[in-house]
C-alpha atoms as a PDB file:
ATOM      1  CA  MET A   1     -56.789 -77.644   6.111  1.00  0.00           C
ATOM      2  CA  ASP A   2     -59.342 -80.031   4.620  1.00  0.00           C
ATOM      3  CA  VAL A   3     -58.082 -82.297   1.865  1.00  0.00           C
ATOM      4  CA  TYR A   4     -60.233 -84.576  -0.252  1.00  0.00           C
ATOM      5  CA  LEU A   5     -58.243 -87.331  -1.946  1.00  0.00           C
ATOM      6  CA  ILE A   6     -60.133 -88.750  -4.922  1.00  0.00           C
ATOM      7  CA  ARG A   7     -59.226 -91.666  -7.120  1.00  0.00           C
ATOM      8  CA  HIS A   8     -60.388 -91.153 -10.700  1.00  0.00           C
ATOM      9  CA  ALA A   9     -63.668 -92.759 -11.761  1.00  0.00           C
ATOM     10  CA  GLU A  10     -63.876 -95.902 -13.882  1.00  0.00           C
ATOM     11  CA  ALA A  11     -61.818 -95.586 -17.064  1.00  0.00           C
ATOM     12  CA  ALA A  12     -61.874 -97.477 -20.342  1.00  0.00           C
ATOM     13  CA  ASN A  13     -59.407-100.255 -21.020  1.00  0.00           C
ATOM     14  CA  PRO A  14     -56.507 -99.017 -23.130  1.00  0.00           C
ATOM     15  CA  LEU A  15     -56.720 -99.405 -26.878  1.00  0.00           C
ATOM     16  CA  ALA A  16     -53.669-100.668 -28.736  1.00  0.00           C
ATOM     17  CA  SER A  17     -53.266 -97.226 -30.300  1.00  0.00           C
ATOM     18  CA  GLN A  18     -53.379 -95.171 -27.087  1.00  0.00           C
ATOM     19  CA  SER A  19     -51.140 -94.650 -24.110  1.00  0.00           C
ATOM     20  CA  ASP A  20     -52.256 -95.282 -20.546  1.00  0.00           C
ATOM     21  CA  GLY A  21     -52.542 -91.517 -20.033  1.00  0.00           C
ATOM     22  CA  GLU A  22     -55.095 -91.201 -22.845  1.00  0.00           C
ATOM     23  CA  ARG A  23     -57.701 -93.542 -21.352  1.00  0.00           C
ATOM     24  CA  PRO A  24     -61.030 -91.690 -20.916  1.00  0.00           C
ATOM     25  CA  LEU A  25     -63.726 -92.340 -18.335  1.00  0.00           C
ATOM     26  CA  THR A  26     -66.390 -94.846 -19.302  1.00  0.00           C
ATOM     27  CA  ASP A  27     -70.011 -93.725 -19.542  1.00  0.00           C
ATOM     28  CA  PHE A  28     -70.662 -95.724 -16.363  1.00  0.00           C
ATOM     29  CA  GLY A  29     -67.728 -94.002 -14.631  1.00  0.00           C
ATOM     30  CA  ARG A  30     -69.059 -90.567 -15.569  1.00  0.00           C
ATOM     31  CA  ARG A  31     -72.600 -91.379 -14.398  1.00  0.00           C
ATOM     32  CA  GLU A  32     -71.485 -92.973 -11.136  1.00  0.00           C
ATOM     33  CA  PHE A  33     -69.059 -90.194 -10.270  1.00  0.00           C
ATOM     34  CA  SER A  34     -71.598 -87.495 -11.163  1.00  0.00           C
ATOM     35  CA  ARG A  35     -73.784 -89.062  -8.464  1.00  0.00           C
ATOM     36  CA  VAL A  36     -70.873 -88.919  -6.040  1.00  0.00           C
ATOM     37  CA  VAL A  37     -70.408 -85.191  -6.747  1.00  0.00           C
ATOM     38  CA  THR A  38     -74.146 -84.575  -6.292  1.00  0.00           C
ATOM     39  CA  ALA A  39     -74.020 -86.332  -2.924  1.00  0.00           C
ATOM     40  CA  LEU A  40     -70.880 -84.447  -1.863  1.00  0.00           C
ATOM     41  CA  ARG A  41     -72.597 -81.151  -2.684  1.00  0.00           C
ATOM     42  CA  ALA A  42     -75.663 -82.245  -0.719  1.00  0.00           C
ATOM     43  CA  ILE A  43     -73.566 -82.759   2.430  1.00  0.00           C
ATOM     44  CA  GLY A  44     -71.821 -79.402   1.973  1.00  0.00           C
ATOM     45  CA  VAL A  45     -68.431 -80.377   0.551  1.00  0.00           C
ATOM     46  CA  GLU A  46     -66.705 -77.361  -1.009  1.00  0.00           C
ATOM     47  CA  ALA A  47     -63.127 -76.738  -2.058  1.00  0.00           C
ATOM     48  CA  ASP A  48     -61.053 -73.717  -2.939  1.00  0.00           C
ATOM     49  CA  VAL A  49     -59.052 -75.567  -5.565  1.00  0.00           C
ATOM     50  CA  ILE A  50     -58.967 -78.870  -7.433  1.00  0.00           C
ATOM     51  CA  LEU A  51     -55.551 -80.248  -8.312  1.00  0.00           C
ATOM     52  CA  HIS A  52     -55.448 -83.217 -10.658  1.00  0.00           C
ATOM     53  CA  SER A  53     -53.064 -85.509 -12.455  1.00  0.00           C
ATOM     54  CA  PRO A  54     -52.669 -84.674 -16.162  1.00  0.00           C
ATOM     55  CA  LEU A  55     -53.765 -88.194 -17.197  1.00  0.00           C
ATOM     56  CA  LEU A  56     -57.087 -87.958 -19.055  1.00  0.00           C
ATOM     57  CA  ARG A  57     -59.151 -90.055 -16.638  1.00  0.00           C
ATOM     58  CA  ALA A  58     -58.079 -87.822 -13.720  1.00  0.00           C
ATOM     59  CA  VAL A  59     -58.709 -84.651 -15.748  1.00  0.00           C
ATOM     60  CA  GLN A  60     -62.236 -85.818 -16.578  1.00  0.00           C
ATOM     61  CA  THR A  61     -62.922 -86.796 -12.958  1.00  0.00           C
ATOM     62  CA  ALA A  62     -61.686 -83.377 -11.794  1.00  0.00           C
ATOM     63  CA  GLU A  63     -63.937 -81.673 -14.335  1.00  0.00           C
ATOM     64  CA  LEU A  64     -66.904 -83.530 -12.838  1.00  0.00           C
ATOM     65  CA  CYS A  65     -65.811 -82.131  -9.434  1.00  0.00           C
ATOM     66  CA  GLY A  66     -65.947 -78.588 -10.837  1.00  0.00           C
ATOM     67  CA  PRO A  67     -69.201 -77.660  -9.057  1.00  0.00           C
ATOM     68  CA  LEU A  68     -67.473 -78.297  -5.726  1.00  0.00           C
ATOM     69  CA  ALA A  69     -64.855 -75.596  -6.374  1.00  0.00           C
ATOM     70  CA  ALA A  70     -66.395 -73.149  -8.818  1.00  0.00           C
ATOM     71  CA  GLY A  71     -64.318 -74.637 -11.631  1.00  0.00           C
ATOM     72  CA  ASN A  72     -60.932 -73.750 -10.075  1.00  0.00           C
ATOM     73  CA  LEU A  73     -58.987 -76.699 -11.604  1.00  0.00           C
ATOM     74  CA  HIS A  74     -55.220 -77.040 -11.994  1.00  0.00           C
ATOM     75  CA  SER A  75     -53.169 -79.836 -13.535  1.00  0.00           C
ATOM     76  CA  GLU A  76     -50.268 -81.063 -11.388  1.00  0.00           C
ATOM     77  CA  ARG A  77     -47.888 -83.572 -12.985  1.00  0.00           C
ATOM     78  CA  ALA A  78     -46.726 -84.508  -9.513  1.00  0.00           C
ATOM     79  CA  LEU A  79     -50.113 -86.114  -8.750  1.00  0.00           C
ATOM     80  CA  ALA A  80     -49.246 -88.937 -11.132  1.00  0.00           C
ATOM     81  CA  GLU A  81     -46.190 -89.736  -8.988  1.00  0.00           C
ATOM     82  CA  ALA A  82     -45.397 -91.161  -5.551  1.00  0.00           C
ATOM     83  CA  PRO A  83     -46.801 -89.088  -2.654  1.00  0.00           C
ATOM     84  CA  GLU A  84     -43.424 -87.995  -1.351  1.00  0.00           C
ATOM     85  CA  ALA A  85     -42.598 -86.589  -4.795  1.00  0.00           C
ATOM     86  CA  GLY A  86     -46.024 -85.291  -5.728  1.00  0.00           C
ATOM     87  CA  LEU A  87     -48.639 -84.927  -3.051  1.00  0.00           C
ATOM     88  CA  LEU A  88     -46.538 -83.488  -0.239  1.00  0.00           C
ATOM     89  CA  PRO A  89     -44.987 -80.650  -2.290  1.00  0.00           C
ATOM     90  CA  CYS A  90     -48.445 -79.716  -3.634  1.00  0.00           C
ATOM     91  CA  LEU A  91     -49.959 -79.633  -0.152  1.00  0.00           C
ATOM     92  CA  GLN A  92     -47.012 -77.766   1.327  1.00  0.00           C
ATOM     93  CA  ALA A  93     -47.381 -75.078  -1.355  1.00  0.00           C
ATOM     94  CA  LEU A  94     -51.100 -74.755  -0.561  1.00  0.00           C
ATOM     95  CA  THR A  95     -50.365 -74.526   3.161  1.00  0.00           C
ATOM     96  CA  ALA A  96     -47.733 -71.847   2.611  1.00  0.00           C
ATOM     97  CA  ALA A  97     -50.185 -69.822   0.517  1.00  0.00           C
ATOM     98  CA  ALA A  98     -52.921 -70.255   3.142  1.00  0.00           C
ATOM     99  CA  SER A  99     -50.674 -68.906   5.892  1.00  0.00           C
ATOM    100  CA  LYS A 100     -49.979 -65.723   3.888  1.00  0.00           C
ATOM    101  CA  SER A 101     -53.497 -64.834   2.814  1.00  0.00           C
ATOM    102  CA  PRO A 102     -56.949 -65.125   4.368  1.00  0.00           C
ATOM    103  CA  LYS A 103     -58.336 -65.797   0.859  1.00  0.00           C
ATOM    104  CA  ALA A 104     -55.952 -68.677   0.186  1.00  0.00           C
ATOM    105  CA  THR A 105     -56.730 -72.345  -0.013  1.00  0.00           C
ATOM    106  CA  HIS A 106     -57.905 -74.111   3.114  1.00  0.00           C
ATOM    107  CA  ARG A 107     -59.858 -76.847   1.307  1.00  0.00           C
ATOM    108  CA  ALA A 108     -58.389 -78.794  -1.588  1.00  0.00           C
ATOM    109  CA  ILE A 109     -59.487 -81.686  -3.777  1.00  0.00           C
ATOM    110  CA  LEU A 110     -56.683 -83.810  -5.221  1.00  0.00           C
ATOM    111  CA  VAL A 111     -57.556 -86.267  -7.993  1.00  0.00           C
ATOM    112  CA  GLY A 112     -55.104 -89.030  -8.771  1.00  0.00           C
ATOM    113  CA  HIS A 113     -54.451 -92.722  -9.213  1.00  0.00           C
ATOM    114  CA  GLU A 114     -53.664 -95.954  -7.427  1.00  0.00           C
ATOM    115  CA  PRO A 115     -51.451 -96.917  -5.795  1.00  0.00           C
ATOM    116  CA  TRP A 116     -50.675 -93.270  -4.967  1.00  0.00           C
ATOM    117  CA  MET A 117     -54.006 -92.299  -3.409  1.00  0.00           C
ATOM    118  CA  SER A 118     -53.777 -95.183  -0.918  1.00  0.00           C
ATOM    119  CA  ALA A 119     -50.129 -94.419  -0.203  1.00  0.00           C
ATOM    120  CA  SER A 120     -50.992 -90.725   0.248  1.00  0.00           C
ATOM    121  CA  LEU A 121     -53.736 -91.508   2.740  1.00  0.00           C
ATOM    122  CA  ASP A 122     -51.389 -93.748   4.725  1.00  0.00           C
ATOM    123  CA  LEU A 123     -48.583 -91.179   4.614  1.00  0.00           C
ATOM    124  CA  LEU A 124     -50.746 -88.257   5.738  1.00  0.00           C
ATOM    125  CA  THR A 125     -52.458 -90.161   8.562  1.00  0.00           C
ATOM    126  CA  LEU A 126     -49.818 -92.682   9.685  1.00  0.00           C
ATOM    127  CA  GLY A 127     -46.593 -91.035   8.572  1.00  0.00           C
ATOM    128  CA  ARG A 128     -45.636 -93.846   6.208  1.00  0.00           C
ATOM    129  CA  SER A 129     -46.982 -95.741   3.245  1.00  0.00           C
ATOM    130  CA  ALA A 130     -48.181 -98.848   5.037  1.00  0.00           C
ATOM    131  CA  GLY A 131     -50.288-100.594   2.392  1.00  0.00           C
ATOM    132  CA  LEU A 132     -53.316-100.488   4.694  1.00  0.00           C
ATOM    133  CA  THR A 133     -55.701 -98.657   2.405  1.00  0.00           C
ATOM    134  CA  SER A 134     -57.137 -99.498  -0.972  1.00  0.00           C
ATOM    135  CA  PHE A 135     -58.997 -96.863  -2.971  1.00  0.00           C
ATOM    136  CA  ARG A 136     -61.739 -98.075  -5.273  1.00  0.00           C
ATOM    137  CA  LYS A 137     -62.279 -96.051  -8.444  1.00  0.00           C
ATOM    138  CA  GLY A 138     -64.305 -92.947  -7.612  1.00  0.00           C
ATOM    139  CA  SER A 139     -63.611 -93.164  -3.866  1.00  0.00           C
ATOM    140  CA  VAL A 140     -63.220 -90.035  -1.736  1.00  0.00           C
ATOM    141  CA  ALA A 141     -61.185 -89.669   1.470  1.00  0.00           C
ATOM    142  CA  TRP A 142     -61.711 -86.570   3.611  1.00  0.00           C
ATOM    143  CA  LEU A 143     -58.717 -85.544   5.728  1.00  0.00           C
ATOM    144  CA  ARG A 144     -58.307 -82.645   8.138  1.00  0.00           C
ATOM    145  CA  GLY A 145     -55.204 -81.242   9.759  1.00  0.00           C
ATOM    146  CA  GLU A 146     -51.721 -80.184   8.800  1.00  0.00           C
ATOM    147  CA  PRO A 147     -50.739 -81.700   5.434  1.00  0.00           C
ATOM    148  CA  VAL A 148     -47.498 -83.329   6.539  1.00  0.00           C
ATOM    149  CA  PRO A 149     -46.718 -86.978   7.281  1.00  0.00           C
ATOM    150  CA  ALA A 150     -48.914 -88.135  10.199  1.00  0.00           C
ATOM    151  CA  GLY A 151     -50.373 -84.613  10.467  1.00  0.00           C
ATOM    152  CA  MET A 152     -53.880 -85.319   9.223  1.00  0.00           C
ATOM    153  CA  GLN A 153     -56.880 -87.165  10.615  1.00  0.00           C
ATOM    154  CA  LEU A 154     -59.138 -89.281   8.422  1.00  0.00           C
ATOM    155  CA  LYS A 155     -62.653 -87.882   8.799  1.00  0.00           C
ATOM    156  CA  ALA A 156     -64.365 -90.142   6.235  1.00  0.00           C
ATOM    157  CA  LEU A 157     -63.635 -92.627   3.469  1.00  0.00           C
ATOM    158  CA  TRP A 158     -66.462 -92.948   0.968  1.00  0.00           C
ATOM    159  CA  PRO A 159     -66.450 -95.568  -1.787  1.00  0.00           C
ATOM    160  CA  PRO A 160     -68.908 -94.704  -4.591  1.00  0.00           C
ATOM    161  CA  LYS A 161     -71.495 -97.224  -3.377  1.00  0.00           C
ATOM    162  CA  THR A 162     -71.823 -95.293  -0.096  1.00  0.00           C
ATOM    163  CA  TRP A 163     -74.088 -92.734  -1.718  1.00  0.00           C
ATOM    164  CA  LYS A 164     -76.664 -95.298  -2.851  1.00  0.00           C
ATOM    165  CA  ALA A 165     -77.511 -95.904   0.803  1.00  0.00           C
ATOM    166  CA  VAL A 166     -77.612 -92.272   1.939  1.00  0.00           C
ATOM    167  CA  ASN A 167     -81.123 -90.806   1.831  1.00  0.00           C
ATOM    168  CA  GLY A 168     -81.679 -91.872  -1.774  1.00  0.00           C
ATOM    169  CA  LEU A 169     -78.663 -89.885  -3.014  1.00  0.00           C
ATOM    170  CA  GLY A 170     -76.597 -91.427  -5.762  1.00  0.00           C
END
């Protein structure tokens, strides 16, 4: 299975009248992440499904990822929680579905938040949340393998600025 962990793009500071979950992406965040999606498409990234946290900034980031998965987006409350509570059950469900059907998900994009994206990357590659990784807003980590603790290999970690240096993309 290929898994792309994505931290939401840059979001607005909270207003006094709104909750943390209602913070939208900034115009800069939308523009910068749209460039990331364009670059990901250019290198052939595709997904069968996009799972995202229900917090607005993650929803909007996932919507920008829509072209990578033909708009197959699903909100998962668990992606706003610790990886053991959220990420692993989501991935295990996808793996179970993939083993039962040739048309099931083998490539998934998961859009979430810090510190959970970093902890998820550590958990999936090292088997524990080690505090070794830090996801910048709009960063993408590509993992391949079995989605269990220490079962995946990190293939690439792309902060948004990566794409500015790649063949004029971004």
